[in-house]
Amino acid sequence: DSPKPPPERITFTLPVINSASNVAVVVTGEGKADALHLAIEEVG
């Protein structure tokens, strides 16, 4: 039931992502600025 098509997907779970030696998140464009702010800064 992915909110973005296509609906059926597989994904690593958070424990796997957070067990990695290195995680890099690559973000470009003004359309991602709000999400990045929520992801990084102290916003309540």
PDB file of all heavy atoms in Angstrom:
ATOM      1  N   ASP A   1       0.825  -1.205   0.000  1.00  0.00           N
ATOM      2  CA  ASP A   1       0.000   0.000   0.000  1.00  0.00           C
ATOM      3  C   ASP A   1       0.860   1.257   0.000  1.00  0.00           C
ATOM      4  O   ASP A   1       0.569   2.228   0.702  1.00  0.00           O
ATOM      5  CB  ASP A   1      -0.928   0.010   1.217  1.00  0.00           C
ATOM      6  CG  ASP A   1      -0.172  -0.126   2.539  1.00  0.00           C
ATOM      7  OD1 ASP A   1       1.058  -0.358   2.508  1.00  0.00           O
ATOM      8  OD2 ASP A   1      -0.807  -0.002   3.608  1.00  0.00           O
ATOM      9  N   SER A   2       1.920   1.255  -0.801  1.00  0.00           N
ATOM     10  CA  SER A   2       2.774   2.434  -0.864  1.00  0.00           C
ATOM     11  C   SER A   2       1.965   3.655  -1.281  1.00  0.00           C
ATOM     12  O   SER A   2       1.186   3.594  -2.236  1.00  0.00           O
ATOM     13  CB  SER A   2       3.903   2.216  -1.880  1.00  0.00           C
ATOM     14  OG  SER A   2       4.557   3.438  -2.167  1.00  0.00           O
ATOM     15  N   PRO A   3       2.147   4.781  -0.573  1.00  0.00           N
ATOM     16  CA  PRO A   3       1.447   5.994  -0.979  1.00  0.00           C
ATOM     17  C   PRO A   3       1.929   6.550  -2.316  1.00  0.00           C
ATOM     18  O   PRO A   3       1.261   7.385  -2.922  1.00  0.00           O
ATOM     19  CB  PRO A   3       1.741   6.976   0.167  1.00  0.00           C
ATOM     20  CG  PRO A   3       2.934   6.431   0.851  1.00  0.00           C
ATOM     21  CD  PRO A   3       2.896   4.958   0.681  1.00  0.00           C
ATOM     22  N   LYS A   4       3.093   6.076  -2.753  1.00  0.00           N
ATOM     23  CA  LYS A   4       3.593   6.418  -4.084  1.00  0.00           C
ATOM     24  C   LYS A   4       3.555   5.162  -4.943  1.00  0.00           C
ATOM     25  O   LYS A   4       3.922   4.079  -4.474  1.00  0.00           O
ATOM     26  CB  LYS A   4       5.046   6.906  -4.009  1.00  0.00           C
ATOM     27  CG  LYS A   4       5.227   8.292  -3.424  1.00  0.00           C
ATOM     28  CD  LYS A   4       6.695   8.675  -3.434  1.00  0.00           C
ATOM     29  CE  LYS A   4       7.260   8.723  -4.844  1.00  0.00           C
ATOM     30  NZ  LYS A   4       8.680   9.135  -4.851  1.00  0.00           N
ATOM     31  N   PRO A   5       3.098   5.263  -6.208  1.00  0.00           N
ATOM     32  CA  PRO A   5       3.111   4.078  -7.057  1.00  0.00           C
ATOM     33  C   PRO A   5       4.546   3.688  -7.419  1.00  0.00           C
ATOM     34  O   PRO A   5       5.431   4.557  -7.435  1.00  0.00           O
ATOM     35  CB  PRO A   5       2.331   4.532  -8.298  1.00  0.00           C
ATOM     36  CG  PRO A   5       2.462   6.027  -8.318  1.00  0.00           C
ATOM     37  CD  PRO A   5       2.550   6.454  -6.879  1.00  0.00           C
ATOM     38  N   PRO A   6       4.777   2.405  -7.702  1.00  0.00           N
ATOM     39  CA  PRO A   6       3.829   1.292  -7.599  1.00  0.00           C
ATOM     40  C   PRO A   6       3.599   0.890  -6.134  1.00  0.00           C
ATOM     41  O   PRO A   6       4.472   1.114  -5.288  1.00  0.00           O
ATOM     42  CB  PRO A   6       4.527   0.183  -8.378  1.00  0.00           C
ATOM     43  CG  PRO A   6       5.982   0.488  -8.262  1.00  0.00           C
ATOM     44  CD  PRO A   6       6.100   1.976  -8.215  1.00  0.00           C
ATOM     45  N   PRO A   7       2.449   0.294  -5.825  1.00  0.00           N
ATOM     46  CA  PRO A   7       2.078   0.050  -4.428  1.00  0.00           C
ATOM     47  C   PRO A   7       2.871  -1.051  -3.733  1.00  0.00           C
ATOM     48  O   PRO A   7       3.053  -1.003  -2.518  1.00  0.00           O
ATOM     49  CB  PRO A   7       0.596  -0.315  -4.514  1.00  0.00           C
ATOM     50  CG  PRO A   7       0.413  -0.844  -5.909  1.00  0.00           C
ATOM     51  CD  PRO A   7       1.362  -0.060  -6.765  1.00  0.00           C
ATOM     52  N   GLU A   8       3.331  -2.061  -4.500  1.00  0.00           N
ATOM     53  CA  GLU A   8       4.008  -3.204  -3.876  1.00  0.00           C
ATOM     54  C   GLU A   8       5.516  -3.016  -3.902  1.00  0.00           C
ATOM     55  O   GLU A   8       6.110  -2.801  -4.959  1.00  0.00           O
ATOM     56  CB  GLU A   8       3.616  -4.497  -4.599  1.00  0.00           C
ATOM     57  CG  GLU A   8       2.138  -4.824  -4.483  1.00  0.00           C
ATOM     58  CD  GLU A   8       1.835  -6.260  -4.851  1.00  0.00           C
ATOM     59  OE1 GLU A   8       2.723  -6.941  -5.403  1.00  0.00           O
ATOM     60  OE2 GLU A   8       0.715  -6.703  -4.571  1.00  0.00           O
ATOM     61  N   ARG A   9       6.128  -3.125  -2.732  1.00  0.00           N
ATOM     62  CA  ARG A   9       7.563  -2.893  -2.600  1.00  0.00           C
ATOM     63  C   ARG A   9       8.148  -3.792  -1.519  1.00  0.00           C
ATOM     64  O   ARG A   9       7.432  -4.259  -0.638  1.00  0.00           O
ATOM     65  CB  ARG A   9       7.834  -1.431  -2.205  1.00  0.00           C
ATOM     66  CG  ARG A   9       7.334  -0.412  -3.229  1.00  0.00           C
ATOM     67  CD  ARG A   9       7.255   0.966  -2.617  1.00  0.00           C
ATOM     68  NE  ARG A   9       6.825   1.947  -3.607  1.00  0.00           N
ATOM     69  CZ  ARG A   9       7.537   3.016  -3.979  1.00  0.00           C
ATOM     70  NH1 ARG A   9       8.713   3.247  -3.420  1.00  0.00           N
ATOM     71  NH2 ARG A   9       7.066   3.848  -4.880  1.00  0.00           N
ATOM     72  N   ILE A  10       9.448  -3.996  -1.582  1.00  0.00           N
ATOM     73  CA  ILE A  10      10.187  -4.578  -0.465  1.00  0.00           C
ATOM     74  C   ILE A  10      11.143  -3.519   0.047  1.00  0.00           C
ATOM     75  O   ILE A  10      11.540  -2.610  -0.684  1.00  0.00           O
ATOM     76  CB  ILE A  10      10.929  -5.875  -0.841  1.00  0.00           C
ATOM     77  CG1 ILE A  10      12.063  -5.595  -1.825  1.00  0.00           C
ATOM     78  CG2 ILE A  10       9.969  -6.901  -1.419  1.00  0.00           C
ATOM     79  CD1 ILE A  10      13.439  -5.622  -1.227  1.00  0.00           C
ATOM     80  N   THR A  11      11.510  -3.602   1.320  1.00  0.00           N
ATOM     81  CA  THR A  11      12.391  -2.590   1.892  1.00  0.00           C
ATOM     82  C   THR A  11      13.185  -3.159   3.059  1.00  0.00           C
ATOM     83  O   THR A  11      12.705  -4.026   3.786  1.00  0.00           O
ATOM     84  CB  THR A  11      11.575  -1.361   2.359  1.00  0.00           C
ATOM     85  OG1 THR A  11      12.458  -0.350   2.867  1.00  0.00           O
ATOM     86  CG2 THR A  11      10.556  -1.723   3.437  1.00  0.00           C
ATOM     87  N   PHE A  12      14.416  -2.686   3.206  1.00  0.00           N
ATOM     88  CA  PHE A  12      15.149  -2.944   4.438  1.00  0.00           C
ATOM     89  C   PHE A  12      14.370  -2.320   5.592  1.00  0.00           C
ATOM     90  O   PHE A  12      13.728  -1.282   5.440  1.00  0.00           O
ATOM     91  CB  PHE A  12      16.536  -2.294   4.394  1.00  0.00           C
ATOM     92  CG  PHE A  12      17.573  -3.011   3.570  1.00  0.00           C
ATOM     93  CD1 PHE A  12      17.270  -4.152   2.853  1.00  0.00           C
ATOM     94  CD2 PHE A  12      18.871  -2.527   3.524  1.00  0.00           C
ATOM     95  CE1 PHE A  12      18.236  -4.807   2.092  1.00  0.00           C
ATOM     96  CE2 PHE A  12      19.849  -3.166   2.780  1.00  0.00           C
ATOM     97  CZ  PHE A  12      19.532  -4.307   2.065  1.00  0.00           C
ATOM     98  N   THR A  13      14.464  -2.943   6.751  1.00  0.00           N
ATOM     99  CA  THR A  13      13.834  -2.393   7.947  1.00  0.00           C
ATOM    100  C   THR A  13      14.812  -1.443   8.646  1.00  0.00           C
ATOM    101  O   THR A  13      16.022  -1.432   8.365  1.00  0.00           O
ATOM    102  CB  THR A  13      13.421  -3.518   8.897  1.00  0.00           C
ATOM    103  OG1 THR A  13      14.570  -4.311   9.214  1.00  0.00           O
ATOM    104  CG2 THR A  13      12.361  -4.402   8.262  1.00  0.00           C
ATOM    105  N   LEU A  14      14.282  -0.659   9.568  1.00  0.00           N
ATOM    106  CA  LEU A  14      15.132   0.295  10.282  1.00  0.00           C
ATOM    107  C   LEU A  14      16.296  -0.361  11.031  1.00  0.00           C
ATOM    108  O   LEU A  14      17.415   0.174  11.015  1.00  0.00           O
ATOM    109  CB  LEU A  14      14.285   1.133  11.245  1.00  0.00           C
ATOM    110  CG  LEU A  14      13.519   2.290  10.602  1.00  0.00           C
ATOM    111  CD1 LEU A  14      12.531   2.882  11.595  1.00  0.00           C
ATOM    112  CD2 LEU A  14      14.485   3.368  10.094  1.00  0.00           C
ATOM    113  N   PRO A  15      16.098  -1.516  11.687  1.00  0.00           N
ATOM    114  CA  PRO A  15      17.257  -2.132  12.353  1.00  0.00           C
ATOM    115  C   PRO A  15      18.403  -2.452  11.396  1.00  0.00           C
ATOM    116  O   PRO A  15      19.580  -2.321  11.781  1.00  0.00           O
ATOM    117  CB  PRO A  15      16.667  -3.408  12.969  1.00  0.00           C
ATOM    118  CG  PRO A  15      15.235  -3.075  13.205  1.00  0.00           C
ATOM    119  CD  PRO A  15      14.841  -2.235  12.031  1.00  0.00           C
ATOM    120  N   VAL A  16      18.095  -2.850  10.167  1.00  0.00           N
ATOM    121  CA  VAL A  16      19.148  -3.140   9.189  1.00  0.00           C
ATOM    122  C   VAL A  16      19.835  -1.848   8.747  1.00  0.00           C
ATOM    123  O   VAL A  16      21.069  -1.771   8.688  1.00  0.00           O
ATOM    124  CB  VAL A  16      18.568  -3.903   7.978  1.00  0.00           C
ATOM    125  CG1 VAL A  16      19.589  -3.987   6.847  1.00  0.00           C
ATOM    126  CG2 VAL A  16      18.135  -5.300   8.396  1.00  0.00           C
ATOM    127  N   ILE A  17      19.043  -0.830   8.444  1.00  0.00           N
ATOM    128  CA  ILE A  17      19.623   0.448   8.032  1.00  0.00           C
ATOM    129  C   ILE A  17      20.533   0.990   9.139  1.00  0.00           C
ATOM    130  O   ILE A  17      21.655   1.434   8.876  1.00  0.00           O
ATOM    131  CB  ILE A  17      18.514   1.455   7.680  1.00  0.00           C
ATOM    132  CG1 ILE A  17      17.783   1.001   6.398  1.00  0.00           C
ATOM    133  CG2 ILE A  17      19.072   2.863   7.516  1.00  0.00           C
ATOM    134  CD1 ILE A  17      16.530   1.791   6.073  1.00  0.00           C
ATOM    135  N   ASN A  18      20.077   0.901  10.369  1.00  0.00           N
ATOM    136  CA  ASN A  18      20.832   1.475  11.474  1.00  0.00           C
ATOM    137  C   ASN A  18      21.983   0.592  11.950  1.00  0.00           C
ATOM    138  O   ASN A  18      22.753   0.997  12.828  1.00  0.00           O
ATOM    139  CB  ASN A  18      19.896   1.807  12.631  1.00  0.00           C
ATOM    140  CG  ASN A  18      19.046   3.028  12.345  1.00  0.00           C
ATOM    141  OD1 ASN A  18      19.473   3.935  11.626  1.00  0.00           O
ATOM    142  ND2 ASN A  18      17.836   3.063  12.881  1.00  0.00           N
ATOM    143  N   SER A  19      22.121  -0.594  11.371  1.00  0.00           N
ATOM    144  CA  SER A  19      23.257  -1.464  11.692  1.00  0.00           C
ATOM    145  C   SER A  19      24.409  -1.307  10.705  1.00  0.00           C
ATOM    146  O   SER A  19      25.471  -1.899  10.901  1.00  0.00           O
ATOM    147  CB  SER A  19      22.806  -2.935  11.707  1.00  0.00           C
ATOM    148  OG  SER A  19      21.918  -3.183  12.777  1.00  0.00           O
ATOM    149  N   ALA A  20      24.214  -0.513   9.667  1.00  0.00           N
ATOM    150  CA  ALA A  20      25.253  -0.353   8.647  1.00  0.00           C
ATOM    151  C   ALA A  20      26.487   0.344   9.205  1.00  0.00           C
ATOM    152  O   ALA A  20      26.412   1.139  10.146  1.00  0.00           O
ATOM    153  CB  ALA A  20      24.703   0.440   7.463  1.00  0.00           C
ATOM    154  N   SER A  21      27.630   0.061   8.590  1.00  0.00           N
ATOM    155  CA  SER A  21      28.863   0.766   8.957  1.00  0.00           C
ATOM    156  C   SER A  21      28.790   2.227   8.551  1.00  0.00           C
ATOM    157  O   SER A  21      29.297   3.112   9.246  1.00  0.00           O
ATOM    158  CB  SER A  21      30.068   0.114   8.277  1.00  0.00           C
ATOM    159  OG  SER A  21      30.301  -1.171   8.784  1.00  0.00           O
ATOM    160  N   ASN A  22      28.148   2.468   7.399  1.00  0.00           N
ATOM    161  CA  ASN A  22      28.011   3.823   6.888  1.00  0.00           C
ATOM    162  C   ASN A  22      26.648   3.971   6.220  1.00  0.00           C
ATOM    163  O   ASN A  22      26.216   3.086   5.472  1.00  0.00           O
ATOM    164  CB  ASN A  22      29.100   4.130   5.850  1.00  0.00           C
ATOM    165  CG  ASN A  22      30.496   4.061   6.436  1.00  0.00           C
ATOM    166  OD1 ASN A  22      30.977   4.999   7.053  1.00  0.00           O
ATOM    167  ND2 ASN A  22      31.140   2.909   6.260  1.00  0.00           N
ATOM    168  N   VAL A  23      25.983   5.075   6.506  1.00  0.00           N
ATOM    169  CA  VAL A  23      24.732   5.425   5.839  1.00  0.00           C
ATOM    170  C   VAL A  23      24.902   6.821   5.259  1.00  0.00           C
ATOM    171  O   VAL A  23      25.306   7.750   5.975  1.00  0.00           O
ATOM    172  CB  VAL A  23      23.524   5.408   6.801  1.00  0.00           C
ATOM    173  CG1 VAL A  23      22.247   5.810   6.062  1.00  0.00           C
ATOM    174  CG2 VAL A  23      23.360   4.034   7.441  1.00  0.00           C
ATOM    175  N   ALA A  24      24.618   6.957   3.978  1.00  0.00           N
ATOM    176  CA  ALA A  24      24.669   8.269   3.332  1.00  0.00           C
ATOM    177  C   ALA A  24      23.293   8.582   2.775  1.00  0.00           C
ATOM    178  O   ALA A  24      22.690   7.753   2.080  1.00  0.00           O
ATOM    179  CB  ALA A  24      25.707   8.289   2.216  1.00  0.00           C
ATOM    180  N   VAL A  25      22.784   9.765   3.102  1.00  0.00           N
ATOM    181  CA  VAL A  25      21.506  10.232   2.576  1.00  0.00           C
ATOM    182  C   VAL A  25      21.805  11.385   1.625  1.00  0.00           C
ATOM    183  O   VAL A  25      22.427  12.378   2.019  1.00  0.00           O
ATOM    184  CB  VAL A  25      20.559  10.689   3.702  1.00  0.00           C
ATOM    185  CG1 VAL A  25      19.167  10.967   3.138  1.00  0.00           C
ATOM    186  CG2 VAL A  25      20.486   9.639   4.808  1.00  0.00           C
ATOM    187  N   VAL A  26      21.373  11.235   0.382  1.00  0.00           N
ATOM    188  CA  VAL A  26      21.677  12.210  -0.662  1.00  0.00           C
ATOM    189  C   VAL A  26      20.396  12.959  -1.001  1.00  0.00           C
ATOM    190  O   VAL A  26      19.403  12.349  -1.415  1.00  0.00           O
ATOM    191  CB  VAL A  26      22.251  11.513  -1.911  1.00  0.00           C
ATOM    192  CG1 VAL A  26      22.701  12.556  -2.933  1.00  0.00           C
ATOM    193  CG2 VAL A  26      23.423  10.605  -1.527  1.00  0.00           C
ATOM    194  N   VAL A  27      20.412  14.291  -0.815  1.00  0.00           N
ATOM    195  CA  VAL A  27      19.193  15.083  -0.936  1.00  0.00           C
ATOM    196  C   VAL A  27      19.473  16.337  -1.760  1.00  0.00           C
ATOM    197  O   VAL A  27      20.382  17.107  -1.432  1.00  0.00           O
ATOM    198  CB  VAL A  27      18.643  15.508   0.441  1.00  0.00           C
ATOM    199  CG1 VAL A  27      17.234  16.066   0.299  1.00  0.00           C
ATOM    200  CG2 VAL A  27      18.659  14.346   1.430  1.00  0.00           C
ATOM    201  N   THR A  28      18.695  16.532  -2.813  1.00  0.00           N
ATOM    202  CA  THR A  28      18.863  17.719  -3.650  1.00  0.00           C
ATOM    203  C   THR A  28      17.506  18.343  -3.947  1.00  0.00           C
ATOM    204  O   THR A  28      16.488  17.659  -3.988  1.00  0.00           O
ATOM    205  CB  THR A  28      19.559  17.377  -4.985  1.00  0.00           C
ATOM    206  OG1 THR A  28      18.741  16.453  -5.725  1.00  0.00           O
ATOM    207  CG2 THR A  28      20.926  16.753  -4.751  1.00  0.00           C
ATOM    208  N   GLY A  29      17.522  19.642  -4.132  1.00  0.00           N
ATOM    209  CA  GLY A  29      16.335  20.346  -4.577  1.00  0.00           C
ATOM    210  C   GLY A  29      15.535  20.995  -3.477  1.00  0.00           C
ATOM    211  O   GLY A  29      15.438  20.481  -2.362  1.00  0.00           O
ATOM    212  N   GLU A  30      14.952  22.139  -3.799  1.00  0.00           N
ATOM    213  CA  GLU A  30      14.174  22.906  -2.826  1.00  0.00           C
ATOM    214  C   GLU A  30      12.951  22.139  -2.344  1.00  0.00           C
ATOM    215  O   GLU A  30      12.484  22.334  -1.218  1.00  0.00           O
ATOM    216  CB  GLU A  30      13.744  24.230  -3.459  1.00  0.00           C
ATOM    217  CG  GLU A  30      13.148  25.227  -2.497  1.00  0.00           C
ATOM    218  CD  GLU A  30      12.861  26.563  -3.145  1.00  0.00           C
ATOM    219  OE1 GLU A  30      13.166  26.722  -4.340  1.00  0.00           O
ATOM    220  OE2 GLU A  30      12.318  27.444  -2.444  1.00  0.00           O
ATOM    221  N   GLY A  31      12.436  21.225  -3.178  1.00  0.00           N
ATOM    222  CA  GLY A  31      11.257  20.453  -2.808  1.00  0.00           C
ATOM    223  C   GLY A  31      11.488  19.511  -1.641  1.00  0.00           C
ATOM    224  O   GLY A  31      10.523  19.020  -1.045  1.00  0.00           O
ATOM    225  N   LYS A  32      12.744  19.271  -1.297  1.00  0.00           N
ATOM    226  CA  LYS A  32      13.071  18.389  -0.163  1.00  0.00           C
ATOM    227  C   LYS A  32      13.470  19.171   1.089  1.00  0.00           C
ATOM    228  O   LYS A  32      13.776  18.575   2.119  1.00  0.00           O
ATOM    229  CB  LYS A  32      14.219  17.445  -0.552  1.00  0.00           C
ATOM    230  CG  LYS A  32      14.005  16.648  -1.835  1.00  0.00           C
ATOM    231  CD  LYS A  32      12.912  15.606  -1.675  1.00  0.00           C
ATOM    232  CE  LYS A  32      12.700  14.817  -2.962  1.00  0.00           C
ATOM    233  NZ  LYS A  32      13.807  13.915  -3.293  1.00  0.00           N
ATOM    234  N   ALA A  33      13.472  20.500   1.002  1.00  0.00           N
ATOM    235  CA  ALA A  33      14.006  21.324   2.100  1.00  0.00           C
ATOM    236  C   ALA A  33      13.214  21.155   3.390  1.00  0.00           C
ATOM    237  O   ALA A  33      13.796  21.074   4.476  1.00  0.00           O
ATOM    238  CB  ALA A  33      14.050  22.791   1.675  1.00  0.00           C
ATOM    239  N   ASP A  34      11.882  21.127   3.301  1.00  0.00           N
ATOM    240  CA  ASP A  34      11.072  20.976   4.511  1.00  0.00           C
ATOM    241  C   ASP A  34      11.322  19.625   5.172  1.00  0.00           C
ATOM    242  O   ASP A  34      11.468  19.535   6.396  1.00  0.00           O
ATOM    243  CB  ASP A  34       9.586  21.133   4.186  1.00  0.00           C
ATOM    244  CG  ASP A  34       9.195  22.583   3.924  1.00  0.00           C
ATOM    245  OD1 ASP A  34       9.782  23.475   4.558  1.00  0.00           O
ATOM    246  OD2 ASP A  34       8.321  22.819   3.072  1.00  0.00           O
ATOM    247  N   ALA A  35      11.340  18.562   4.360  1.00  0.00           N
ATOM    248  CA  ALA A  35      11.574  17.218   4.907  1.00  0.00           C
ATOM    249  C   ALA A  35      12.956  17.128   5.538  1.00  0.00           C
ATOM    250  O   ALA A  35      13.126  16.522   6.603  1.00  0.00           O
ATOM    251  CB  ALA A  35      11.419  16.169   3.804  1.00  0.00           C
ATOM    252  N   LEU A  36      13.940  17.746   4.914  1.00  0.00           N
ATOM    253  CA  LEU A  36      15.299  17.707   5.456  1.00  0.00           C
ATOM    254  C   LEU A  36      15.368  18.448   6.790  1.00  0.00           C
ATOM    255  O   LEU A  36      16.013  17.978   7.737  1.00  0.00           O
ATOM    256  CB  LEU A  36      16.275  18.318   4.456  1.00  0.00           C
ATOM    257  CG  LEU A  36      17.747  18.169   4.829  1.00  0.00           C
ATOM    258  CD1 LEU A  36      18.188  16.719   4.717  1.00  0.00           C
ATOM    259  CD2 LEU A  36      18.623  19.054   3.969  1.00  0.00           C
ATOM    260  N   HIS A  37      14.699  19.576   6.870  1.00  0.00           N
ATOM    261  CA  HIS A  37      14.624  20.327   8.129  1.00  0.00           C
ATOM    262  C   HIS A  37      14.042  19.462   9.242  1.00  0.00           C
ATOM    263  O   HIS A  37      14.592  19.397  10.352  1.00  0.00           O
ATOM    264  CB  HIS A  37      13.770  21.578   7.901  1.00  0.00           C
ATOM    265  CG  HIS A  37      13.352  22.284   9.151  1.00  0.00           C
ATOM    266  ND1 HIS A  37      14.253  22.802  10.058  1.00  0.00           N
ATOM    267  CD2 HIS A  37      12.123  22.560   9.645  1.00  0.00           C
ATOM    268  CE1 HIS A  37      13.595  23.368  11.055  1.00  0.00           C
ATOM    269  NE2 HIS A  37      12.303  23.232  10.837  1.00  0.00           N
ATOM    270  N   LEU A  38      12.956  18.733   8.945  1.00  0.00           N
ATOM    271  CA  LEU A  38      12.340  17.864   9.945  1.00  0.00           C
ATOM    272  C   LEU A  38      13.235  16.681  10.295  1.00  0.00           C
ATOM    273  O   LEU A  38      13.213  16.176  11.416  1.00  0.00           O
ATOM    274  CB  LEU A  38      10.988  17.351   9.440  1.00  0.00           C
ATOM    275  CG  LEU A  38       9.865  18.383   9.326  1.00  0.00           C
ATOM    276  CD1 LEU A  38       8.642  17.745   8.670  1.00  0.00           C
ATOM    277  CD2 LEU A  38       9.493  18.938  10.693  1.00  0.00           C
ATOM    278  N   ALA A  39      14.019  16.245   9.331  1.00  0.00           N
ATOM    279  CA  ALA A  39      14.867  15.066   9.544  1.00  0.00           C
ATOM    280  C   ALA A  39      16.096  15.370  10.383  1.00  0.00           C
ATOM    281  O   ALA A  39      16.604  14.485  11.082  1.00  0.00           O
ATOM    282  CB  ALA A  39      15.301  14.493   8.198  1.00  0.00           C
ATOM    283  N   ILE A  40      16.567  16.611  10.345  1.00  0.00           N
ATOM    284  CA  ILE A  40      17.861  16.923  10.943  1.00  0.00           C
ATOM    285  C   ILE A  40      17.755  17.790  12.185  1.00  0.00           C
ATOM    286  O   ILE A  40      18.456  17.559  13.175  1.00  0.00           O
ATOM    287  CB  ILE A  40      18.780  17.603   9.897  1.00  0.00           C
ATOM    288  CG1 ILE A  40      19.216  16.575   8.854  1.00  0.00           C
ATOM    289  CG2 ILE A  40      19.990  18.238  10.560  1.00  0.00           C
ATOM    290  CD1 ILE A  40      20.109  17.128   7.766  1.00  0.00           C
ATOM    291  N   GLU A  41      16.890  18.783  12.171  1.00  0.00           N
ATOM    292  CA  GLU A  41      16.914  19.774  13.239  1.00  0.00           C
ATOM    293  C   GLU A  41      15.913  19.472  14.344  1.00  0.00           C
ATOM    294  O   GLU A  41      14.982  18.687  14.172  1.00  0.00           O
ATOM    295  CB  GLU A  41      16.685  21.164  12.645  1.00  0.00           C
ATOM    296  CG  GLU A  41      17.822  21.551  11.703  1.00  0.00           C
ATOM    297  CD  GLU A  41      17.779  22.992  11.272  1.00  0.00           C
ATOM    298  OE1 GLU A  41      16.694  23.490  10.927  1.00  0.00           O
ATOM    299  OE2 GLU A  41      18.844  23.615  11.263  1.00  0.00           O
ATOM    300  N   GLU A  42      16.129  20.118  15.477  1.00  0.00           N
ATOM    301  CA  GLU A  42      15.227  19.983  16.621  1.00  0.00           C
ATOM    302  C   GLU A  42      13.949  20.769  16.328  1.00  0.00           C
ATOM    303  O   GLU A  42      13.945  21.996  16.363  1.00  0.00           O
ATOM    304  CB  GLU A  42      15.895  20.510  17.889  1.00  0.00           C
ATOM    305  CG  GLU A  42      17.111  19.724  18.337  1.00  0.00           C
ATOM    306  CD  GLU A  42      16.765  18.291  18.724  1.00  0.00           C
ATOM    307  OE1 GLU A  42      15.629  18.054  19.151  1.00  0.00           O
ATOM    308  OE2 GLU A  42      17.640  17.423  18.605  1.00  0.00           O
ATOM    309  N   VAL A  43      12.874  20.045  16.015  1.00  0.00           N
ATOM    310  CA  VAL A  43      11.653  20.724  15.570  1.00  0.00           C
ATOM    311  C   VAL A  43      10.433  20.322  16.389  1.00  0.00           C
ATOM    312  O   VAL A  43       9.310  20.519  15.971  1.00  0.00           O
ATOM    313  CB  VAL A  43      11.390  20.443  14.069  1.00  0.00           C
ATOM    314  CG1 VAL A  43      12.427  21.133  13.218  1.00  0.00           C
ATOM    315  CG2 VAL A  43      11.382  18.941  13.797  1.00  0.00           C
ATOM    316  N   GLY A  44      10.649  19.741  17.560  1.00  0.00           N
ATOM    317  CA  GLY A  44       9.512  19.363  18.388  1.00  0.00           C
ATOM    318  C   GLY A  44       8.954  18.009  18.008  1.00  0.00           C
ATOM    319  O   GLY A  44       9.582  17.233  17.284  1.00  0.00           O
TER     320      GLY A  44
END
